[in-house]
C-alpha atoms as a PDB file:
ATOM      1  CA  MET A   1     152.464 -94.303   5.292  1.00  0.00           C
ATOM      2  CA  THR A   2     156.057 -93.594   4.250  1.00  0.00           C
ATOM      3  CA  PHE A   3     157.721 -94.238   0.917  1.00  0.00           C
ATOM      4  CA  ARG A   4     161.475 -94.123   0.726  1.00  0.00           C
ATOM      5  CA  THR A   5     162.445 -97.345  -1.099  1.00  0.00           C
ATOM      6  CA  ALA A   6     162.298 -98.480  -4.716  1.00  0.00           C
ATOM      7  CA  VAL A   7     163.221-101.957  -5.958  1.00  0.00           C
ATOM      8  CA  ILE A   8     164.736-102.408  -9.426  1.00  0.00           C
ATOM      9  CA  PRO A   9     164.806-106.077 -10.522  1.00  0.00           C
ATOM     10  CA  ALA A  10     167.955-106.587 -12.616  1.00  0.00           C
ATOM     11  CA  ALA A  11     168.850-110.262 -12.178  1.00  0.00           C
ATOM     12  CA  GLY A  12     167.799-111.467 -15.635  1.00  0.00           C
ATOM     13  CA  LEU A  13     170.492-112.676 -18.013  1.00  0.00           C
ATOM     14  CA  GLY A  14     169.242-110.757 -21.063  1.00  0.00           C
ATOM     15  CA  THR A  15     169.237-113.723 -23.429  1.00  0.00           C
ATOM     16  CA  ARG A  16     167.391-111.778 -26.135  1.00  0.00           C
ATOM     17  CA  PHE A  17     170.406-109.486 -26.366  1.00  0.00           C
ATOM     18  CA  LEU A  18     173.056-112.177 -26.806  1.00  0.00           C
ATOM     19  CA  PRO A  19     175.922-112.085 -27.600  1.00  0.00           C
ATOM     20  CA  ALA A  20     176.172-108.498 -26.254  1.00  0.00           C
ATOM     21  CA  THR A  21     174.993-109.494 -22.772  1.00  0.00           C
ATOM     22  CA  LYS A  22     177.846-111.993 -22.441  1.00  0.00           C
ATOM     23  CA  ALA A  23     179.933-108.905 -21.674  1.00  0.00           C
ATOM     24  CA  VAL A  24     177.498-106.133 -20.683  1.00  0.00           C
ATOM     25  CA  PRO A  25     174.374-106.567 -18.518  1.00  0.00           C
ATOM     26  CA  LYS A  26     171.256-105.502 -20.378  1.00  0.00           C
ATOM     27  CA  GLU A  27     170.514-102.889 -17.691  1.00  0.00           C
ATOM     28  CA  LEU A  28     173.838-101.179 -18.447  1.00  0.00           C
ATOM     29  CA  MET A  29     173.412-101.053 -22.206  1.00  0.00           C
ATOM     30  CA  PRO A  30     173.427 -97.343 -23.049  1.00  0.00           C
ATOM     31  CA  ILE A  31     170.395 -95.392 -24.143  1.00  0.00           C
ATOM     32  CA  PHE A  32     172.578 -93.152 -26.271  1.00  0.00           C
ATOM     33  CA  ASP A  33     175.182 -92.495 -23.559  1.00  0.00           C
ATOM     34  CA  THR A  34     173.329 -93.285 -20.317  1.00  0.00           C
ATOM     35  CA  PRO A  35     172.640 -96.827 -19.044  1.00  0.00           C
ATOM     36  CA  ALA A  36     168.977 -97.769 -18.765  1.00  0.00           C
ATOM     37  CA  LEU A  37     169.567 -98.563 -15.079  1.00  0.00           C
ATOM     38  CA  GLN A  38     170.663 -94.980 -14.453  1.00  0.00           C
ATOM     39  CA  LEU A  39     167.607 -93.555 -16.219  1.00  0.00           C
ATOM     40  CA  VAL A  40     165.306 -95.655 -14.051  1.00  0.00           C
ATOM     41  CA  MET A  41     167.169 -94.674 -10.879  1.00  0.00           C
ATOM     42  CA  ASP A  42     166.874 -91.019 -11.885  1.00  0.00           C
ATOM     43  CA  GLU A  43     163.122 -91.486 -12.336  1.00  0.00           C
ATOM     44  CA  ALA A  44     162.834 -92.946  -8.842  1.00  0.00           C
ATOM     45  CA  ILE A  45     164.868 -90.145  -7.300  1.00  0.00           C
ATOM     46  CA  GLY A  46     162.731 -87.583  -9.122  1.00  0.00           C
ATOM     47  CA  ALA A  47     159.652 -89.072  -7.417  1.00  0.00           C
ATOM     48  CA  GLY A  48     161.217 -88.641  -3.973  1.00  0.00           C
ATOM     49  CA  ILE A  49     162.774 -92.086  -3.455  1.00  0.00           C
ATOM     50  CA  GLU A  50     165.706 -92.122  -1.021  1.00  0.00           C
ATOM     51  CA  HIS A  51     166.746 -95.795  -1.056  1.00  0.00           C
ATOM     52  CA  ILE A  52     167.160 -97.864  -4.219  1.00  0.00           C
ATOM     53  CA  VAL A  53     167.463-101.660  -3.984  1.00  0.00           C
ATOM     54  CA  VAL A  54     168.851-103.311  -7.111  1.00  0.00           C
ATOM     55  CA  VAL A  55     168.137-107.059  -7.303  1.00  0.00           C
ATOM     56  CA  SER A  56     171.041-108.497  -9.272  1.00  0.00           C
ATOM     57  CA  ASN A  57     172.712-111.781 -10.152  1.00  0.00           C
ATOM     58  CA  ARG A  58     176.184-112.686  -8.889  1.00  0.00           C
ATOM     59  CA  THR A  59     177.375-113.216 -12.471  1.00  0.00           C
ATOM     60  CA  LYS A  60     176.618-109.559 -13.281  1.00  0.00           C
ATOM     61  CA  SER A  61     179.497-107.955 -11.398  1.00  0.00           C
ATOM     62  CA  ALA A  62     179.442-104.983 -13.765  1.00  0.00           C
ATOM     63  CA  ILE A  63     176.277-103.728 -12.060  1.00  0.00           C
ATOM     64  CA  GLU A  64     178.068-103.514  -8.712  1.00  0.00           C
ATOM     65  CA  SER A  65     181.039-101.875 -10.394  1.00  0.00           C
ATOM     66  CA  TYR A  66     178.744 -99.278 -11.922  1.00  0.00           C
ATOM     67  CA  LEU A  67     177.191 -98.507  -8.552  1.00  0.00           C
ATOM     68  CA  LYS A  68     180.689 -98.120  -7.046  1.00  0.00           C
ATOM     69  CA  PRO A  69     180.208 -99.914  -3.742  1.00  0.00           C
ATOM     70  CA  SER A  70     182.653 -99.200  -0.932  1.00  0.00           C
ATOM     71  CA  PRO A  71     184.307-102.369   0.482  1.00  0.00           C
ATOM     72  CA  ASP A  72     184.096-101.063   4.039  1.00  0.00           C
ATOM     73  CA  VAL A  73     180.291-101.083   3.986  1.00  0.00           C
ATOM     74  CA  VAL A  74     179.819-104.639   2.726  1.00  0.00           C
ATOM     75  CA  ARG A  75     177.973-106.987   5.051  1.00  0.00           C
ATOM     76  CA  ARG A  76     176.545-110.448   4.466  1.00  0.00           C
ATOM     77  CA  VAL A  77     173.289-111.771   5.865  1.00  0.00           C
ATOM     78  CA  HIS A  78     171.936-115.304   5.438  1.00  0.00           C
ATOM     79  CA  ASP A  79     168.200-115.538   4.803  1.00  0.00           C
ATOM     80  CA  SER A  80     167.197-118.944   6.243  1.00  0.00           C
ATOM     81  CA  GLY A  81     169.941-120.608   4.234  1.00  0.00           C
ATOM     82  CA  ARG A  82     168.076-119.848   0.995  1.00  0.00           C
ATOM     83  CA  ILE A  83     169.445-116.530  -0.174  1.00  0.00           C
ATOM     84  CA  GLU A  84     172.742-114.965   0.724  1.00  0.00           C
ATOM     85  CA  LEU A  85     172.065-111.263   0.917  1.00  0.00           C
ATOM     86  CA  ALA A  86     175.146-109.185   0.170  1.00  0.00           C
ATOM     87  CA  GLU A  87     174.219-105.576   0.702  1.00  0.00           C
ATOM     88  CA  ARG A  88     176.548-103.067  -0.832  1.00  0.00           C
ATOM     89  CA  LEU A  89     175.898 -99.403  -0.251  1.00  0.00           C
ATOM     90  CA  ALA A  90     176.841 -96.634  -2.607  1.00  0.00           C
ATOM     91  CA  ARG A  91     175.950 -92.985  -3.053  1.00  0.00           C
ATOM     92  CA  ILE A  92     174.501 -91.567  -6.240  1.00  0.00           C
ATOM     93  CA  GLY A  93     173.472 -88.302  -4.624  1.00  0.00           C
ATOM     94  CA  THR A  94     173.847 -86.487  -1.343  1.00  0.00           C
ATOM     95  CA  ASP A  95     171.029 -88.381   0.338  1.00  0.00           C
ATOM     96  CA  VAL A  96     170.224 -91.415  -1.867  1.00  0.00           C
ATOM     97  CA  GLN A  97     171.321 -94.858  -0.710  1.00  0.00           C
ATOM     98  CA  VAL A  98     171.739 -97.788  -3.083  1.00  0.00           C
ATOM     99  CA  SER A  99     171.739-101.445  -1.990  1.00  0.00           C
ATOM    100  CA  VAL A 100     172.435-104.502  -4.114  1.00  0.00           C
ATOM    101  CA  VAL A 101     170.799-107.826  -3.193  1.00  0.00           C
ATOM    102  CA  TYR A 102     170.882-111.116  -5.052  1.00  0.00           C
ATOM    103  CA  GLN A 103     168.336-113.465  -6.551  1.00  0.00           C
ATOM    104  CA  ASP A 104     169.784-116.952  -6.169  1.00  0.00           C
ATOM    105  CA  VAL A 105     167.979-118.525  -9.149  1.00  0.00           C
ATOM    106  CA  PRO A 106     165.762-117.019 -11.885  1.00  0.00           C
ATOM    107  CA  ARG A 107     162.348-117.838 -10.437  1.00  0.00           C
ATOM    108  CA  GLY A 108     160.243-114.945 -11.681  1.00  0.00           C
ATOM    109  CA  LEU A 109     159.547-111.311 -10.877  1.00  0.00           C
ATOM    110  CA  GLY A 110     157.631-112.068  -7.692  1.00  0.00           C
ATOM    111  CA  HIS A 111     160.554-114.107  -6.368  1.00  0.00           C
ATOM    112  CA  ALA A 112     162.999-111.326  -7.289  1.00  0.00           C
ATOM    113  CA  ILE A 113     160.986-108.790  -5.290  1.00  0.00           C
ATOM    114  CA  GLY A 114     160.794-111.217  -2.382  1.00  0.00           C
ATOM    115  CA  CYS A 115     164.593-111.363  -2.356  1.00  0.00           C
ATOM    116  CA  ALA A 116     164.599-107.647  -1.459  1.00  0.00           C
ATOM    117  CA  ARG A 117     162.367-108.067   1.630  1.00  0.00           C
ATOM    118  CA  LYS A 118     165.084-107.434   4.237  1.00  0.00           C
ATOM    119  CA  ALA A 119     166.438-104.416   2.395  1.00  0.00           C
ATOM    120  CA  ILE A 120     162.925-102.955   2.069  1.00  0.00           C
ATOM    121  CA  GLY A 121     162.501-103.089   5.830  1.00  0.00           C
ATOM    122  CA  GLY A 122     158.745-103.530   6.250  1.00  0.00           C
ATOM    123  CA  GLU A 123     157.665-100.303   4.547  1.00  0.00           C
ATOM    124  CA  SER A 124     155.608 -99.683   1.446  1.00  0.00           C
ATOM    125  CA  PHE A 125     157.829 -99.520  -1.627  1.00  0.00           C
ATOM    126  CA  ALA A 126     157.944 -98.945  -5.362  1.00  0.00           C
ATOM    127  CA  VAL A 127     159.063-101.364  -8.076  1.00  0.00           C
ATOM    128  CA  LEU A 128     160.488-100.116 -11.372  1.00  0.00           C
ATOM    129  CA  LEU A 129     161.253-102.550 -14.180  1.00  0.00           C
ATOM    130  CA  PRO A 130     164.391-101.382 -16.004  1.00  0.00           C
ATOM    131  CA  ASP A 131     163.088-102.661 -19.358  1.00  0.00           C
ATOM    132  CA  GLU A 132     160.486 -99.892 -19.309  1.00  0.00           C
ATOM    133  CA  LEU A 133     161.643 -96.290 -19.549  1.00  0.00           C
ATOM    134  CA  MET A 134     159.285 -93.407 -18.780  1.00  0.00           C
ATOM    135  CA  GLY A 135     159.582 -89.869 -20.034  1.00  0.00           C
ATOM    136  CA  ASP A 136     159.715 -88.426 -16.505  1.00  0.00           C
ATOM    137  CA  SER A 137     158.877 -89.103 -12.846  1.00  0.00           C
ATOM    138  CA  SER A 138     155.301 -87.809 -12.951  1.00  0.00           C
ATOM    139  CA  LEU A 139     153.495 -91.170 -13.093  1.00  0.00           C
ATOM    140  CA  LEU A 140     155.519 -92.689 -10.254  1.00  0.00           C
ATOM    141  CA  ALA A 141     154.990 -89.579  -8.133  1.00  0.00           C
ATOM    142  CA  ALA A 142     151.231 -89.722  -8.742  1.00  0.00           C
ATOM    143  CA  MET A 143     151.153 -93.423  -7.852  1.00  0.00           C
ATOM    144  CA  ILE A 144     152.979 -92.807  -4.574  1.00  0.00           C
ATOM    145  CA  ALA A 145     150.586 -89.966  -3.714  1.00  0.00           C
ATOM    146  CA  LEU A 146     147.557 -92.193  -4.435  1.00  0.00           C
ATOM    147  CA  SER A 147     148.921 -95.040  -2.317  1.00  0.00           C
ATOM    148  CA  LYS A 148     149.600 -92.664   0.576  1.00  0.00           C
ATOM    149  CA  LYS A 149     146.011 -91.410   0.323  1.00  0.00           C
ATOM    150  CA  THR A 150     144.335 -94.829   0.086  1.00  0.00           C
ATOM    151  CA  SER A 151     146.836 -97.155   1.864  1.00  0.00           C
ATOM    152  CA  GLU A 152     146.461 -99.513  -1.104  1.00  0.00           C
ATOM    153  CA  SER A 153     148.813-100.840  -3.766  1.00  0.00           C
ATOM    154  CA  VAL A 154     148.829 -98.958  -7.074  1.00  0.00           C
ATOM    155  CA  VAL A 155     149.915-100.073 -10.550  1.00  0.00           C
ATOM    156  CA  GLY A 156     150.911 -98.008 -13.562  1.00  0.00           C
ATOM    157  CA  LEU A 157     148.677 -98.664 -16.586  1.00  0.00           C
ATOM    158  CA  LYS A 158     148.433 -97.740 -20.242  1.00  0.00           C
ATOM    159  CA  ARG A 159     145.993 -98.408 -23.072  1.00  0.00           C
ATOM    160  CA  VAL A 160     147.475-100.195 -26.087  1.00  0.00           C
ATOM    161  CA  ASP A 161     146.234-101.813 -29.257  1.00  0.00           C
ATOM    162  CA  ARG A 162     144.740-105.221 -28.450  1.00  0.00           C
ATOM    163  CA  SER A 163     147.354-106.852 -30.661  1.00  0.00           C
ATOM    164  CA  GLU A 164     149.963-105.883 -28.030  1.00  0.00           C
ATOM    165  CA  VAL A 165     148.311-107.171 -24.845  1.00  0.00           C
ATOM    166  CA  SER A 166     149.700-110.706 -25.111  1.00  0.00           C
ATOM    167  CA  ALA A 167     153.185-109.401 -24.282  1.00  0.00           C
ATOM    168  CA  TYR A 168     152.182-107.881 -20.931  1.00  0.00           C
ATOM    169  CA  GLY A 169     150.117-108.244 -17.810  1.00  0.00           C
ATOM    170  CA  CYS A 170     146.581-107.049 -18.523  1.00  0.00           C
ATOM    171  CA  VAL A 171     143.892-105.794 -16.128  1.00  0.00           C
ATOM    172  CA  ARG A 172     140.140-105.494 -15.763  1.00  0.00           C
ATOM    173  CA  VAL A 173     138.872-102.298 -14.134  1.00  0.00           C
ATOM    174  CA  ALA A 174     135.645-101.527 -12.323  1.00  0.00           C
ATOM    175  CA  ALA A 175     134.885 -98.428 -14.385  1.00  0.00           C
ATOM    176  CA  GLU A 176     136.422 -96.198 -17.004  1.00  0.00           C
ATOM    177  CA  PRO A 177     139.131 -93.873 -15.655  1.00  0.00           C
ATOM    178  CA  GLY A 178     138.291 -90.298 -14.804  1.00  0.00           C
ATOM    179  CA  ALA A 179     140.332 -87.236 -15.639  1.00  0.00           C
ATOM    180  CA  ASP A 180     143.028 -88.293 -13.175  1.00  0.00           C
ATOM    181  CA  GLY A 181     143.297 -91.775 -14.711  1.00  0.00           C
ATOM    182  CA  VAL A 182     142.540 -93.524 -11.407  1.00  0.00           C
ATOM    183  CA  VAL A 183     140.764 -96.889 -11.607  1.00  0.00           C
ATOM    184  CA  GLN A 184     139.925 -99.770  -9.291  1.00  0.00           C
ATOM    185  CA  VAL A 185     141.600-102.915 -10.621  1.00  0.00           C
ATOM    186  CA  THR A 186     139.437-106.035 -10.246  1.00  0.00           C
ATOM    187  CA  ASP A 187     141.408-108.643 -12.222  1.00  0.00           C
ATOM    188  CA  VAL A 188     144.997-109.191 -13.391  1.00  0.00           C
ATOM    189  CA  VAL A 189     145.970-111.647 -16.143  1.00  0.00           C
ATOM    190  CA  GLU A 190     149.544-112.432 -17.210  1.00  0.00           C
ATOM    191  CA  LYS A 191     150.080-112.235 -20.985  1.00  0.00           C
ATOM    192  CA  PRO A 192     146.575-113.172 -22.132  1.00  0.00           C
ATOM    193  CA  ASN A 193     145.600-114.026 -25.686  1.00  0.00           C
ATOM    194  CA  GLU A 194     144.410-110.816 -27.333  1.00  0.00           C
ATOM    195  CA  HIS A 195     140.936-112.291 -27.904  1.00  0.00           C
ATOM    196  CA  GLU A 196     140.613-113.360 -24.252  1.00  0.00           C
ATOM    197  CA  ALA A 197     142.200-110.308 -22.615  1.00  0.00           C
ATOM    198  CA  PRO A 198     139.940-108.557 -20.083  1.00  0.00           C
ATOM    199  CA  SER A 199     140.714-105.126 -21.600  1.00  0.00           C
ATOM    200  CA  ASP A 200     143.201-103.168 -23.656  1.00  0.00           C
ATOM    201  CA  ILE A 201     144.850-101.794 -20.485  1.00  0.00           C
ATOM    202  CA  ILE A 202     148.280-103.211 -19.630  1.00  0.00           C
ATOM    203  CA  LEU A 203     150.722-103.027 -16.732  1.00  0.00           C
ATOM    204  CA  ILE A 204     153.698-100.876 -17.671  1.00  0.00           C
ATOM    205  CA  GLY A 205     156.353-101.883 -15.165  1.00  0.00           C
ATOM    206  CA  ARG A 206     155.655 -99.378 -12.404  1.00  0.00           C
ATOM    207  CA  TYR A 207     154.234-100.551  -9.089  1.00  0.00           C
ATOM    208  CA  VAL A 208     153.735 -98.988  -5.663  1.00  0.00           C
ATOM    209  CA  LEU A 209     153.142-101.802  -3.195  1.00  0.00           C
ATOM    210  CA  THR A 210     152.157-102.208   0.435  1.00  0.00           C
ATOM    211  CA  PRO A 211     154.069-104.668   2.674  1.00  0.00           C
ATOM    212  CA  GLN A 212     151.152-107.138   2.392  1.00  0.00           C
ATOM    213  CA  ILE A 213     152.306-107.923  -1.148  1.00  0.00           C
ATOM    214  CA  LEU A 214     155.483-109.498   0.246  1.00  0.00           C
ATOM    215  CA  ASP A 215     153.426-111.841   2.437  1.00  0.00           C
ATOM    216  CA  ASP A 216     151.261-112.711  -0.561  1.00  0.00           C
ATOM    217  CA  ILE A 217     154.380-113.463  -2.622  1.00  0.00           C
ATOM    218  CA  ASP A 218     155.732-115.736   0.117  1.00  0.00           C
ATOM    219  CA  ALA A 219     152.457-117.691   0.106  1.00  0.00           C
ATOM    220  CA  LEU A 220     152.390-118.237  -3.663  1.00  0.00           C
ATOM    221  CA  GLN A 221     153.046-121.604  -5.254  1.00  0.00           C
ATOM    222  CA  PRO A 222     155.259-121.605  -8.356  1.00  0.00           C
ATOM    223  CA  GLY A 223     153.435-121.724 -11.665  1.00  0.00           C
ATOM    224  CA  PRO A 224     153.953-124.398 -14.353  1.00  0.00           C
ATOM    225  CA  SER A 225     157.205-122.700 -15.380  1.00  0.00           C
ATOM    226  CA  GLY A 226     158.518-122.897 -11.830  1.00  0.00           C
ATOM    227  CA  GLU A 227     158.339-119.112 -11.467  1.00  0.00           C
ATOM    228  CA  ILE A 228     156.615-116.976  -8.851  1.00  0.00           C
ATOM    229  CA  GLN A 229     154.853-114.143 -10.639  1.00  0.00           C
ATOM    230  CA  LEU A 230     154.108-110.692  -9.252  1.00  0.00           C
ATOM    231  CA  THR A 231     150.849-110.683 -11.215  1.00  0.00           C
ATOM    232  CA  ASP A 232     149.574-113.540  -9.028  1.00  0.00           C
ATOM    233  CA  ALA A 233     150.159-111.443  -5.901  1.00  0.00           C
ATOM    234  CA  LEU A 234     148.530-108.446  -7.581  1.00  0.00           C
ATOM    235  CA  LEU A 235     145.519-110.617  -8.375  1.00  0.00           C
ATOM    236  CA  ILE A 236     145.143-111.417  -4.667  1.00  0.00           C
ATOM    237  CA  ALA A 237     145.129-107.681  -3.888  1.00  0.00           C
ATOM    238  CA  ALA A 238     142.663-106.987  -6.717  1.00  0.00           C
ATOM    239  CA  GLN A 239     140.237-109.672  -5.584  1.00  0.00           C
ATOM    240  CA  ALA A 240     140.388-108.289  -2.045  1.00  0.00           C
ATOM    241  CA  GLY A 241     139.517-104.818  -3.375  1.00  0.00           C
ATOM    242  CA  HIS A 242     142.906-103.338  -2.491  1.00  0.00           C
ATOM    243  CA  LEU A 243     144.472-102.628  -5.883  1.00  0.00           C
ATOM    244  CA  GLN A 244     144.183 -99.333  -7.704  1.00  0.00           C
ATOM    245  CA  GLY A 245     145.770 -98.156 -10.915  1.00  0.00           C
ATOM    246  CA  ILE A 246     146.510 -95.001 -12.859  1.00  0.00           C
ATOM    247  CA  VAL A 247     145.920 -95.150 -16.616  1.00  0.00           C
ATOM    248  CA  SER A 248     148.522 -92.793 -18.045  1.00  0.00           C
ATOM    249  CA  ASP A 249     149.570 -91.443 -21.420  1.00  0.00           C
ATOM    250  CA  ILE A 250     153.140 -90.867 -20.197  1.00  0.00           C
ATOM    251  CA  GLU A 251     155.905 -91.299 -22.749  1.00  0.00           C
ATOM    252  CA  ARG A 252     157.099 -94.907 -22.482  1.00  0.00           C
ATOM    253  CA  HIS A 253     159.711 -97.052 -24.173  1.00  0.00           C
ATOM    254  CA  ASP A 254     159.806-100.845 -23.868  1.00  0.00           C
ATOM    255  CA  THR A 255     163.486-101.782 -24.214  1.00  0.00           C
ATOM    256  CA  GLY A 256     162.989-105.485 -23.511  1.00  0.00           C
ATOM    257  CA  THR A 257     163.764-106.417 -27.122  1.00  0.00           C
ATOM    258  CA  PRO A 258     166.654-105.310 -29.364  1.00  0.00           C
ATOM    259  CA  ARG A 259     164.284-103.370 -31.613  1.00  0.00           C
ATOM    260  CA  GLY A 260     162.610-101.637 -28.656  1.00  0.00           C
ATOM    261  CA  TRP A 261     166.035-100.731 -27.283  1.00  0.00           C
ATOM    262  CA  LEU A 262     167.116 -99.310 -30.665  1.00  0.00           C
ATOM    263  CA  GLU A 263     163.934 -97.239 -30.963  1.00  0.00           C
ATOM    264  CA  ALA A 264     164.530 -95.822 -27.478  1.00  0.00           C
ATOM    265  CA  VAL A 265     168.126 -94.921 -28.326  1.00  0.00           C
ATOM    266  CA  ILE A 266     166.990 -93.039 -31.429  1.00  0.00           C
ATOM    267  CA  GLU A 267     164.182 -91.224 -29.598  1.00  0.00           C
ATOM    268  CA  PHE A 268     166.450 -90.181 -26.731  1.00  0.00           C
ATOM    269  CA  ALA A 269     169.171 -89.037 -29.127  1.00  0.00           C
ATOM    270  CA  LEU A 270     166.737 -86.915 -31.139  1.00  0.00           C
ATOM    271  CA  LYS A 271     165.724 -85.084 -27.942  1.00  0.00           C
ATOM    272  CA  ARG A 272     169.291 -84.239 -26.982  1.00  0.00           C
ATOM    273  CA  PRO A 273     169.995 -80.570 -27.757  1.00  0.00           C
ATOM    274  CA  ASP A 274     173.688 -81.322 -28.273  1.00  0.00           C
ATOM    275  CA  VAL A 275     173.238 -84.043 -30.917  1.00  0.00           C
ATOM    276  CA  GLY A 276     169.533 -84.100 -31.807  1.00  0.00           C
ATOM    277  CA  PRO A 277     169.470 -81.564 -34.686  1.00  0.00           C
ATOM    278  CA  SER A 278     172.513 -82.980 -36.474  1.00  0.00           C
ATOM    279  CA  PHE A 279     171.391 -86.550 -35.881  1.00  0.00           C
ATOM    280  CA  GLU A 280     167.929 -85.791 -37.274  1.00  0.00           C
ATOM    281  CA  GLU A 281     169.515 -84.216 -40.341  1.00  0.00           C
ATOM    282  CA  TRP A 282     171.636 -87.334 -40.867  1.00  0.00           C
ATOM    283  CA  LEU A 283     168.590 -89.596 -40.460  1.00  0.00           C
ATOM    284  CA  ARG A 284     166.618 -87.598 -43.005  1.00  0.00           C
ATOM    285  CA  SER A 285     169.527 -87.809 -45.466  1.00  0.00           C
ATOM    286  CA  ARG A 286     169.318 -91.605 -45.327  1.00  0.00           C
ATOM    287  CA  PHE A 287     165.803 -91.523 -46.807  1.00  0.00           C
ATOM    288  CA  ARG A 288     166.228 -88.941 -49.516  1.00  0.00           C
END
């Protein structure tokens, strides 16, 4: 089993960050001085990914500008008249390829991943949500290694206070994780009520998926909101006994809200050797 591709869904319009996102896509808002999209791409590259597929929206031309596509490598492919796939290649390293594909309408995370099917090319692949920033590439690397060993899909997991589970996908596991954090996932629930959640273990926006997931996504019916959810496809894998997870204590920042973004900016700035000490001193002076 080979892993060379990672999908980064970035087609959302970032309405929680208005009016800023009228001008700047949420994925390009800086975490101190580096766009969140770049940090997530760096994480993928650190885990050995060679091909990054960014799922964007045609109104977010700044994402393509950031990735610096070359006009001579643009080609257009029509996917059964439903999605026009404009693949633009760029280089962010000596051997890393970046493609941009488009989600025609906002129909959920599962639909967004399905839009990348042709660019993925029938291989197993990773998915990294750009709203979630990890401290390093270690979790993604461990997930890829586990999927290679088991030929199953793997999700990144974290324990949180039960008051937080309603904001995320939540899972039930067959047994408590061992020292390596590996668990068999038996149920997946999207944003459950905290009193009805199957556990205090949530999905944290990192997935390593087999090609079967794409077929499962294609077979899904839209939910009441009209969206096709990745969690529904993960539930199919879990019920078939083919979904594993790694419960991790990796550093994580949820930048999906303005406050979460601000907290991440402060944390990243404090760790910078060039500005951290002076910035910390300034922060402390504000509370004297």
